[in-house]
N, C-alpha and C. Protein backbone atom coordinates (compact mmCIF):
# COMPACT_ATOMS: atom_id res chain seq x y z
N UNK A 1 94.45 84.97 106.30
CA UNK A 1 93.53 83.94 106.05
C UNK A 1 92.77 83.46 107.18
N UNK A 2 93.53 82.99 108.34
CA UNK A 2 93.05 82.42 109.56
C UNK A 2 91.95 83.40 110.14
N UNK A 3 92.32 84.71 110.29
CA UNK A 3 91.24 85.81 110.74
C UNK A 3 90.04 85.71 110.07
N UNK A 4 90.11 85.64 108.61
CA UNK A 4 88.85 85.61 107.70
C UNK A 4 88.09 84.26 108.17
N UNK A 5 88.71 83.24 108.42
CA UNK A 5 88.10 81.81 108.78
C UNK A 5 87.17 82.06 110.12
N UNK A 6 88.05 82.62 111.16
CA UNK A 6 87.41 82.91 112.46
C UNK A 6 86.38 83.99 112.27
N UNK A 7 86.39 84.98 111.37
CA UNK A 7 85.17 85.79 111.16
C UNK A 7 84.08 85.09 110.57
N UNK A 8 84.24 84.10 109.54
CA UNK A 8 83.17 83.49 109.01
C UNK A 8 82.58 82.54 109.99
N UNK A 9 83.34 81.97 110.94
CA UNK A 9 82.86 80.97 111.87
C UNK A 9 81.87 81.76 112.92
N UNK A 10 82.30 83.02 113.24
CA UNK A 10 81.51 83.89 114.06
C UNK A 10 80.09 84.14 113.49
N UNK A 11 80.17 84.49 112.29
CA UNK A 11 79.03 84.82 111.44
C UNK A 11 78.05 83.82 111.13
N UNK A 12 78.57 82.56 110.74
CA UNK A 12 77.81 81.45 110.54
C UNK A 12 77.15 81.06 111.76
N UNK A 13 77.75 81.16 113.04
CA UNK A 13 77.24 80.59 114.18
C UNK A 13 76.05 81.78 114.59
N UNK A 14 76.37 83.04 114.41
CA UNK A 14 75.13 83.95 114.38
C UNK A 14 73.86 83.69 113.72
N UNK A 15 74.19 83.34 112.31
CA UNK A 15 73.07 82.99 111.41
C UNK A 15 72.33 81.82 112.25
N UNK A 16 73.10 80.65 112.54
CA UNK A 16 72.39 79.61 112.86
C UNK A 16 71.69 79.81 114.16
N UNK A 17 72.25 80.52 115.19
CA UNK A 17 71.36 80.81 116.29
C UNK A 17 70.33 81.75 116.24
N UNK A 18 70.32 82.81 115.40
CA UNK A 18 69.24 83.69 115.13
C UNK A 18 68.27 83.05 114.31
N UNK A 19 68.39 82.04 113.44
CA UNK A 19 67.22 81.37 112.77
C UNK A 19 66.27 80.61 113.76
N UNK A 20 66.81 80.32 114.84
CA UNK A 20 66.14 79.48 115.86
C UNK A 20 64.95 80.24 116.53
N UNK A 21 65.33 81.41 116.78
CA UNK A 21 64.29 82.32 117.47
C UNK A 21 64.02 83.52 116.75
N UNK A 22 64.75 84.00 115.72
CA UNK A 22 64.55 85.18 115.05
C UNK A 22 63.78 84.96 113.74
N UNK A 23 64.06 86.06 112.84
CA UNK A 23 63.66 86.12 111.55
C UNK A 23 64.68 86.27 110.31
N UNK A 24 64.92 85.34 109.54
CA UNK A 24 65.96 85.26 108.63
C UNK A 24 65.21 85.25 106.99
N UNK A 25 65.68 86.13 106.25
CA UNK A 25 65.05 86.15 104.90
C UNK A 25 66.28 85.35 104.01
N UNK A 26 66.10 84.68 103.29
CA UNK A 26 67.18 83.81 102.32
C UNK A 26 67.02 84.20 101.01
N UNK A 27 68.24 84.27 100.34
CA UNK A 27 68.21 84.52 98.82
C UNK A 27 68.38 86.15 98.52
N UNK A 28 68.89 86.43 97.28
CA UNK A 28 68.95 87.56 96.83
C UNK A 28 67.61 88.61 96.79
N UNK A 29 66.73 88.08 96.21
CA UNK A 29 65.49 88.83 96.11
C UNK A 29 64.92 89.19 97.48
N UNK A 30 64.80 88.12 98.45
CA UNK A 30 64.29 88.36 99.76
C UNK A 30 64.97 89.43 100.48
N UNK A 31 66.57 89.35 100.26
CA UNK A 31 67.44 90.22 101.06
C UNK A 31 67.37 91.71 100.36
N UNK A 32 67.19 91.75 99.28
CA UNK A 32 67.00 92.98 98.54
C UNK A 32 65.77 93.76 99.29
N UNK A 33 64.63 92.92 99.10
CA UNK A 33 63.32 93.64 99.51
C UNK A 33 63.40 93.89 100.94
N UNK A 34 64.08 93.30 101.75
CA UNK A 34 64.09 93.64 103.31
C UNK A 34 65.08 94.82 103.54
N UNK A 35 66.15 94.90 102.83
CA UNK A 35 66.86 96.20 102.91
C UNK A 35 66.17 97.55 102.43
N UNK A 36 65.49 97.29 101.30
CA UNK A 36 64.82 98.29 100.73
C UNK A 36 63.56 98.82 101.43
N UNK A 37 62.86 97.80 102.41
CA UNK A 37 61.94 98.16 103.11
C UNK A 37 62.16 98.58 104.35
N UNK A 38 63.49 98.74 104.75
CA UNK A 38 64.09 99.12 106.14
C UNK A 38 63.82 98.22 107.20
N UNK A 39 63.68 96.71 106.93
CA UNK A 39 63.40 95.95 107.62
C UNK A 39 64.68 95.21 108.27
N UNK A 40 65.73 94.89 107.37
CA UNK A 40 67.05 94.30 107.47
C UNK A 40 67.64 94.92 108.60
N UNK A 41 68.16 94.03 109.59
CA UNK A 41 69.09 94.68 110.75
C UNK A 41 70.40 94.42 110.48
N UNK A 42 70.65 93.23 109.60
CA UNK A 42 72.20 92.74 109.46
C UNK A 42 72.00 91.90 107.94
N UNK A 43 72.96 92.07 107.07
CA UNK A 43 73.08 91.30 105.79
C UNK A 43 74.26 90.71 105.77
N UNK A 44 74.22 89.36 105.29
CA UNK A 44 75.36 88.60 105.08
C UNK A 44 75.45 88.18 103.52
N UNK A 45 76.53 88.28 103.05
CA UNK A 45 76.76 87.97 101.48
C UNK A 45 77.71 86.92 101.31
N UNK A 46 77.62 85.97 100.41
CA UNK A 46 78.66 85.07 100.32
C UNK A 46 79.39 85.69 99.26
N UNK A 47 80.82 85.20 99.31
CA UNK A 47 81.87 85.79 98.50
C UNK A 47 81.95 84.96 97.28
N UNK A 48 81.55 83.61 97.30
CA UNK A 48 81.64 82.62 96.24
C UNK A 48 80.65 82.64 95.21
N UNK A 49 79.98 83.77 95.06
CA UNK A 49 78.70 84.05 94.12
C UNK A 49 79.31 84.14 92.97
N UNK A 50 78.64 83.40 91.79
CA UNK A 50 79.32 83.55 90.44
C UNK A 50 77.93 83.60 89.61
N UNK A 51 77.82 84.59 88.90
CA UNK A 51 78.72 85.90 88.69
C UNK A 51 78.43 86.86 89.91
N UNK A 52 79.50 87.55 90.02
CA UNK A 52 79.50 88.52 91.14
C UNK A 52 78.62 89.59 90.97
N UNK A 53 77.98 89.78 89.92
CA UNK A 53 76.97 91.00 89.68
C UNK A 53 75.65 90.65 90.17
N UNK A 54 75.56 89.37 90.48
CA UNK A 54 74.23 89.13 91.30
C UNK A 54 74.15 89.75 92.80
N UNK A 55 75.18 89.95 93.45
CA UNK A 55 75.32 90.42 94.62
C UNK A 55 75.96 91.91 94.72
N UNK A 56 76.44 92.50 93.60
CA UNK A 56 77.22 93.76 93.64
C UNK A 56 76.33 94.81 94.32
N UNK A 57 75.06 94.85 94.03
CA UNK A 57 74.20 96.02 94.50
C UNK A 57 73.95 95.85 96.04
N UNK A 58 74.05 94.72 96.47
CA UNK A 58 73.89 94.74 98.20
C UNK A 58 74.60 95.54 98.96
N UNK A 59 75.97 95.73 98.80
CA UNK A 59 76.78 96.48 99.64
C UNK A 59 76.36 98.00 99.50
N UNK A 60 76.22 98.36 98.15
CA UNK A 60 75.79 99.81 98.09
C UNK A 60 74.64 99.88 98.58
N UNK A 61 73.38 99.22 98.52
CA UNK A 61 72.12 99.23 99.09
C UNK A 61 72.25 99.35 100.57
N UNK A 62 72.98 98.67 101.22
CA UNK A 62 73.23 98.53 102.58
C UNK A 62 73.81 99.66 103.16
N UNK A 63 74.97 100.38 102.43
CA UNK A 63 75.37 101.74 103.00
C UNK A 63 74.43 102.74 102.95
N UNK A 64 73.69 102.81 101.67
CA UNK A 64 72.50 103.74 101.64
C UNK A 64 71.52 103.69 102.73
N UNK A 65 71.28 102.48 103.01
CA UNK A 65 70.18 102.28 104.03
C UNK A 65 70.71 102.32 105.49
N UNK A 66 72.05 102.13 105.55
CA UNK A 66 72.66 102.22 106.82
C UNK A 66 72.47 100.85 107.57
N UNK A 67 72.53 99.83 106.84
CA UNK A 67 72.52 98.48 107.32
C UNK A 67 73.82 97.68 107.34
N UNK A 68 74.29 97.32 108.66
CA UNK A 68 75.59 96.61 108.58
C UNK A 68 75.49 95.16 107.66
N UNK A 69 76.62 95.01 107.20
CA UNK A 69 76.80 93.88 106.45
C UNK A 69 78.12 93.21 106.53
N UNK A 70 78.13 91.81 106.13
CA UNK A 70 79.40 91.08 106.32
C UNK A 70 79.41 90.16 105.28
N UNK A 71 80.77 89.68 104.74
CA UNK A 71 80.84 88.76 103.80
C UNK A 71 81.43 87.51 104.73
N UNK A 72 80.80 86.31 103.88
CA UNK A 72 81.36 85.05 104.52
C UNK A 72 81.88 84.29 103.16
N UNK A 73 82.69 83.15 103.45
CA UNK A 73 83.23 82.53 102.01
C UNK A 73 82.35 81.46 101.49
N UNK A 74 81.45 80.99 102.00
CA UNK A 74 80.68 79.90 101.45
C UNK A 74 79.22 79.93 101.25
N UNK A 75 78.70 80.16 100.01
CA UNK A 75 77.30 80.21 99.82
C UNK A 75 76.41 79.00 100.26
N UNK A 76 77.14 77.74 100.03
CA UNK A 76 76.65 76.48 100.63
C UNK A 76 76.50 76.55 102.02
N UNK A 77 77.57 76.93 102.79
CA UNK A 77 77.47 77.02 104.17
C UNK A 77 76.55 78.08 104.67
N UNK A 78 76.35 79.12 104.00
CA UNK A 78 75.56 80.22 104.59
C UNK A 78 74.05 79.67 104.35
N UNK A 79 73.72 78.94 103.33
CA UNK A 79 72.42 78.42 103.12
C UNK A 79 71.98 77.29 104.14
N UNK A 80 72.86 76.45 104.44
CA UNK A 80 72.92 75.40 105.47
C UNK A 80 72.63 76.20 106.76
N UNK A 81 73.51 77.01 107.17
CA UNK A 81 73.18 77.61 108.54
C UNK A 81 72.08 78.43 108.63
N UNK A 82 71.28 79.00 107.47
CA UNK A 82 70.18 79.62 107.39
C UNK A 82 68.92 78.85 107.39
N UNK A 83 69.25 77.31 107.16
CA UNK A 83 68.10 76.51 107.32
C UNK A 83 67.60 75.94 106.26
N UNK A 84 68.26 76.04 104.98
CA UNK A 84 67.80 75.59 103.81
C UNK A 84 68.92 74.61 103.25
N UNK A 85 68.39 73.72 102.36
CA UNK A 85 69.37 72.69 102.00
C UNK A 85 70.09 72.94 100.57
N UNK A 86 69.79 74.22 100.16
CA UNK A 86 70.67 74.68 98.96
C UNK A 86 71.42 75.88 99.32
N UNK A 87 72.43 76.35 98.35
CA UNK A 87 73.15 77.51 98.60
C UNK A 87 72.43 78.88 98.75
N UNK A 88 72.64 79.80 99.68
CA UNK A 88 72.11 81.06 99.66
C UNK A 88 73.21 82.12 99.31
N UNK A 89 73.10 82.85 98.57
CA UNK A 89 73.90 84.00 97.92
C UNK A 89 73.91 85.09 99.21
N UNK A 90 72.81 85.19 99.71
CA UNK A 90 72.70 86.30 100.86
C UNK A 90 71.56 85.94 101.78
N UNK A 91 71.82 86.58 103.00
CA UNK A 91 70.48 86.31 103.76
C UNK A 91 70.40 87.89 104.46
N UNK A 92 69.26 88.19 104.81
CA UNK A 92 68.98 89.19 105.75
C UNK A 92 68.38 88.84 107.18
N UNK A 93 68.85 89.38 108.12
CA UNK A 93 68.30 89.14 109.45
C UNK A 93 67.32 90.26 109.76
N UNK A 94 66.05 89.97 110.00
CA UNK A 94 65.11 90.99 110.49
C UNK A 94 64.87 91.05 111.70
N UNK A 95 65.09 89.96 112.64
CA UNK A 95 64.90 89.89 113.85
C UNK A 95 65.99 88.96 114.73
N UNK A 96 66.61 89.30 115.62
CA UNK A 96 67.58 88.66 116.23
C UNK A 96 67.00 87.85 117.25
N UNK A 97 65.78 87.75 117.55
CA UNK A 97 65.11 86.90 118.68
C UNK A 97 65.93 86.99 119.96
N UNK A 98 65.95 85.70 120.48
CA UNK A 98 66.71 85.62 121.76
C UNK A 98 68.33 86.13 121.84
N UNK A 99 68.74 86.27 120.60
CA UNK A 99 70.06 86.38 120.52
C UNK A 99 70.55 87.95 120.26
N UNK A 100 69.67 88.80 120.57
CA UNK A 100 69.78 90.17 120.25
C UNK A 100 71.08 90.89 120.77
N UNK A 101 71.46 90.77 122.12
CA UNK A 101 72.48 91.22 122.84
C UNK A 101 73.83 90.49 122.29
N UNK A 102 74.00 89.31 122.08
CA UNK A 102 75.02 88.72 121.55
C UNK A 102 75.49 89.24 120.07
N UNK A 103 74.29 89.37 119.45
CA UNK A 103 74.25 89.57 117.84
C UNK A 103 74.80 91.18 117.63
N UNK A 104 74.51 92.06 118.48
CA UNK A 104 75.04 93.46 118.51
C UNK A 104 76.54 93.41 118.71
N UNK A 105 76.98 92.67 119.45
CA UNK A 105 78.48 92.62 119.96
C UNK A 105 79.08 92.16 118.42
N UNK A 106 78.69 90.97 117.97
CA UNK A 106 79.18 90.41 116.82
C UNK A 106 79.34 91.33 115.54
N UNK A 107 78.25 91.98 115.59
CA UNK A 107 77.91 93.00 114.25
C UNK A 107 79.13 94.20 114.61
N UNK A 108 79.26 94.56 115.90
CA UNK A 108 80.14 95.61 116.13
C UNK A 108 81.71 95.24 115.88
N UNK A 109 81.78 93.83 116.10
CA UNK A 109 83.21 93.49 115.82
C UNK A 109 83.53 93.33 114.41
N UNK A 110 82.46 92.79 113.70
CA UNK A 110 82.54 92.65 112.23
C UNK A 110 82.81 93.91 111.60
N UNK A 111 82.22 94.96 111.98
CA UNK A 111 81.92 96.33 111.32
C UNK A 111 83.52 96.79 111.48
N UNK A 112 84.12 96.78 112.85
CA UNK A 112 85.32 97.22 112.96
C UNK A 112 86.29 96.60 112.11
N UNK A 113 86.51 95.17 111.91
CA UNK A 113 87.37 94.45 111.02
C UNK A 113 87.03 95.08 109.58
N UNK A 114 86.10 95.10 109.24
CA UNK A 114 85.63 95.80 107.81
C UNK A 114 86.21 97.36 107.65
N UNK A 115 85.96 98.01 108.50
CA UNK A 115 86.64 99.43 108.45
C UNK A 115 88.11 99.33 108.49
N UNK A 116 88.73 98.40 109.30
CA UNK A 116 90.17 98.38 109.26
C UNK A 116 90.73 97.90 107.85
N UNK A 117 90.02 96.99 107.25
CA UNK A 117 90.33 96.54 105.85
C UNK A 117 90.27 97.79 104.83
N UNK A 118 89.26 98.53 104.93
CA UNK A 118 89.22 99.77 104.06
C UNK A 118 90.16 100.81 104.35
N UNK A 119 90.51 100.85 105.40
CA UNK A 119 91.73 101.71 105.85
C UNK A 119 92.99 101.15 105.28
N UNK A 120 93.38 100.05 105.59
CA UNK A 120 94.53 99.34 104.81
C UNK A 120 94.56 99.80 103.45
N UNK A 121 93.49 99.61 102.63
CA UNK A 121 93.53 99.71 101.25
C UNK A 121 93.85 101.01 100.83
N UNK A 122 93.35 102.10 101.47
CA UNK A 122 93.49 103.56 101.27
C UNK A 122 95.04 103.84 101.60
């Protein structure tokens, strides 16, 4: 649980920093379009979306288009960090802006953790 919270914190900070100088699309529809058009560089999906079916297609689409993605625990916090006053079920980062190098390190770290989770389940 603590590891998950630390992971969330890193991803929220990434979104917070990127929105200042980069390009972030907010919401399911914008995220889906960005992935399909090949513009998304990183996708963040909230776990507390209800019903879950709203975001179920995103991981599949990300894998198909080879876009790295990660989960965070709160759609409200994700929306706030993305610069809106309402919850965001997902966001897509199109441009990291001045945060490019740091973002790549964070994404690689998150990707490794996700792969370890998948290996443990198998």
